[in-house]
Amino acid sequence: MTARIVWIIAFVLMAGCGGGGSGGSPKTPSRFLYVNADQGPNEFYTETYGFAVYSGGALQAVQGFSPVPSSLPGGGTLAITFDSKLLYTTDTNRVTAFQINPDGSLTNAPSPSFSMTDTPVGLVAHPTADFLYASSSSGVLSVFAINSGTGALDLTSSVSLGGNNIEVGTSPAITPNGKYLYQADVYYPNGLGQTPALNQLAAFSIDSATGALSAVPGNPVSTDISIRSMSIDPTGKFLYASYFAHNQVAAFLIDATSGTLTAVPGSPFAVGGSATTIVTTIAVDASGKFLIVGLEPGAVGNCLDVLSIDPGTGALTLVPGSPFGPATLFCGSVAADPSEPLVYAGTGGIQPGPGVPPATVVALSVDQTTGALTPVGQAAVPDTTKVTVDFIAMTH
């Protein structure tokens, strides 16, 4: 598994953990947001926490439930079903299910876990059907049918990305219509860890009835560098991928008929303004107009690049005023609200201690004309020993 990069945090919390406006939070949240948080570098013990998200970006930690533990380095990934009833996360050799309660708290599903023979490193739920996809570190993509009542997983099929010399360290991405799935991997023809390392992006069509995967024509495509995270625009036309340990984002056009990928002219696109700046995670906003890029290391208040997306070609252009960010923090993981012009940035830290605040999520509004970001709310996890936000997932 690729090594996790830890983000350094040094900030003073904005007034009020709930954040988001002088009128206070509305009584009913519009959705819930979940994060995996840990205690900093080389910390294997992570926990999942929930936040209520209110219209306009106000956030409040969900009360009254115990955090969900994980023993994976950097925490397990998170996936939420399309009906927002179930949350899945990964542990050392299993996928675990939790029911999402009306108040946002989590409880063990009646059928809580599925054991795997290999370490699951990535999860994604189908956007319109009861299927879950898990990628293992050895390059196997497993397809599960979900029992929506109990959370139980039935392994129905699987595909290999290419034998024993494949390494996977990221979650798959699925187009919004549920037709195509994409998975990044690294292929070592001379054995794991041996040069050369061939970076690839595999594409599959999804059977609408069974969820089974079939390789699409031209599969896989080569990439310059290994991929760290992916995001697909709401129309399903473009796929964006951040390059691991580099300040670049690759862009691909998705063929609507076949699912094949074609590099967008000008790709990859530079971000960060410095060769020493690298990309953490990326997210396309709900309008499909802007790509939000988390930067590391980014100066305090300048840790989020925003790039406008050409609706015809998919090309990226840095928006005026970029980079943005809350004036008091370094940013880490990012996620986009599924319906509102909001993005969420998770923070990270060195180690818990005096002056180091707990893991925090900040909500930022996206100006739909300029792409400028403005902080509108924030909330911290209730455990002050947790300082890094590793993953973010939202209900729909």
Foldseek 3Di string as FASTA:
>chain_A
DDADDFFAKFFDDDPDQQFFDDVDADPAAPWKKKFWFAFAPPTQKIWIWMWGAHPRGGIDTQDDEDTHIARGVLFWAWEAELQRQWIWTFHQFKIFIWGQDSSRYTDGFQQTIDGHPAGFQAWYYQNPAQWIWTAGQQAKIWIWGADSRRRDTDGDDIDGPDPRQKGFHYYWDAANVRFKIKGWIWGAPVHHPDPDIWTWIWMWTADPPRRDTDGFPPPIDTDPAGFQEWEAFNVRQKIWTFHPQFQWIWIWGQDPPTRDTDTQPPPTDGDDPDGRKGWAYWYQAQVNQWIWTAIPPAPQQQGIWIWGADVVRRDTDTFPPHDGGPNTIHFHDKYYDNHFQKIKTWGGHHGQDPSQFAIKIWIWGADPPGRDTDTRYMHGDPDRSTRGTRYMDMHD
